Amino acid sequence: MRFKPRMVQVGEVKTFENFVIPVPETIDPAAFNTIIVWCESFGEFITAASYQ
């Protein structure tokens, strides 16, 4: 994925339903406009959403 060097891992998703991932204080959400869910194990894109 060409954008991966600019991405920040926020946390791990352990389910596909109703999950909430707390954002660490070291990450400024205002610096980003998109959420990507990526499967590191399989190197596969799962989904994405824009926010703000």
C-alpha atoms as a PDB file:
ATOM      1  CA  MET A   1       0.000   0.000   0.000  1.00  0.00           C
ATOM      2  CA  ARG A   2       1.640   3.239  -1.106  1.00  0.00           C
ATOM      3  CA  PHE A   3       0.187   5.350   1.731  1.00  0.00           C
ATOM      4  CA  LYS A   4       1.278   3.029   4.537  1.00  0.00           C
ATOM      5  CA  PRO A   5       4.385   5.083   5.470  1.00  0.00           C
ATOM      6  CA  ARG A   6       2.078   8.055   6.258  1.00  0.00           C
ATOM      7  CA  MET A   7      -0.404   6.002   8.293  1.00  0.00           C
ATOM      8  CA  VAL A   8      -0.517   5.552  12.049  1.00  0.00           C
ATOM      9  CA  GLN A   9      -1.679   2.370  13.750  1.00  0.00           C
ATOM     10  CA  VAL A  10      -4.199   3.318  16.412  1.00  0.00           C
ATOM     11  CA  GLY A  11      -5.033  -0.140  17.723  1.00  0.00           C
ATOM     12  CA  GLU A  12      -6.053  -3.672  16.939  1.00  0.00           C
ATOM     13  CA  VAL A  13      -9.566  -4.676  15.884  1.00  0.00           C
ATOM     14  CA  LYS A  14     -10.544  -8.032  17.348  1.00  0.00           C
ATOM     15  CA  THR A  15     -14.081  -8.244  15.914  1.00  0.00           C
ATOM     16  CA  PHE A  16     -16.059  -7.113  12.877  1.00  0.00           C
ATOM     17  CA  GLU A  17     -19.077  -5.885  14.842  1.00  0.00           C
ATOM     18  CA  ASN A  18     -19.580  -2.854  17.077  1.00  0.00           C
ATOM     19  CA  PHE A  19     -15.981  -2.050  17.905  1.00  0.00           C
ATOM     20  CA  VAL A  20     -14.536   1.126  19.386  1.00  0.00           C
ATOM     21  CA  ILE A  21     -10.790   1.755  19.393  1.00  0.00           C
ATOM     22  CA  PRO A  22      -9.532   4.370  21.848  1.00  0.00           C
ATOM     23  CA  VAL A  23      -7.186   6.903  20.244  1.00  0.00           C
ATOM     24  CA  PRO A  24      -3.923   7.255  22.190  1.00  0.00           C
ATOM     25  CA  GLU A  25      -3.102  10.776  23.408  1.00  0.00           C
ATOM     26  CA  THR A  26       0.029  10.715  21.224  1.00  0.00           C
ATOM     27  CA  ILE A  27      -2.132  10.772  18.064  1.00  0.00           C
ATOM     28  CA  ASP A  28      -3.774  14.010  16.906  1.00  0.00           C
ATOM     29  CA  PRO A  29      -7.002  13.011  15.109  1.00  0.00           C
ATOM     30  CA  ALA A  30      -7.180  16.481  13.509  1.00  0.00           C
ATOM     31  CA  ALA A  31      -4.088  15.568  11.478  1.00  0.00           C
ATOM     32  CA  PHE A  32      -6.047  12.856   9.624  1.00  0.00           C
ATOM     33  CA  ASN A  33      -9.269  12.643   7.602  1.00  0.00           C
ATOM     34  CA  THR A  34      -9.710   8.920   6.950  1.00  0.00           C
ATOM     35  CA  ILE A  35      -9.907   5.684   8.920  1.00  0.00           C
ATOM     36  CA  ILE A  36      -8.549   2.535   7.257  1.00  0.00           C
ATOM     37  CA  VAL A  37      -9.161  -0.981   8.547  1.00  0.00           C
ATOM     38  CA  TRP A  38      -6.366  -3.184   7.246  1.00  0.00           C
ATOM     39  CA  CYS A  39      -5.681  -6.869   7.909  1.00  0.00           C
ATOM     40  CA  GLU A  40      -1.965  -7.016   8.632  1.00  0.00           C
ATOM     41  CA  SER A  41      -1.994 -10.844   8.770  1.00  0.00           C
ATOM     42  CA  PHE A  42      -3.294 -11.193   5.206  1.00  0.00           C
ATOM     43  CA  GLY A  43      -2.123  -7.862   3.787  1.00  0.00           C
ATOM     44  CA  GLU A  44      -5.717  -7.050   2.852  1.00  0.00           C
ATOM     45  CA  PHE A  45      -7.803  -3.879   2.859  1.00  0.00           C
ATOM     46  CA  ILE A  46     -10.994  -4.363   4.890  1.00  0.00           C
ATOM     47  CA  THR A  47     -12.787  -1.003   4.779  1.00  0.00           C
ATOM     48  CA  ALA A  48     -12.356   2.765   5.041  1.00  0.00           C
ATOM     49  CA  ALA A  49     -14.344   5.808   6.130  1.00  0.00           C
ATOM     50  CA  SER A  50     -13.791   9.550   6.025  1.00  0.00           C
ATOM     51  CA  TYR A  51     -14.481  11.645   9.100  1.00  0.00           C
ATOM     52  CA  GLN A  52     -14.420  15.219  10.438  1.00  0.00           C
END
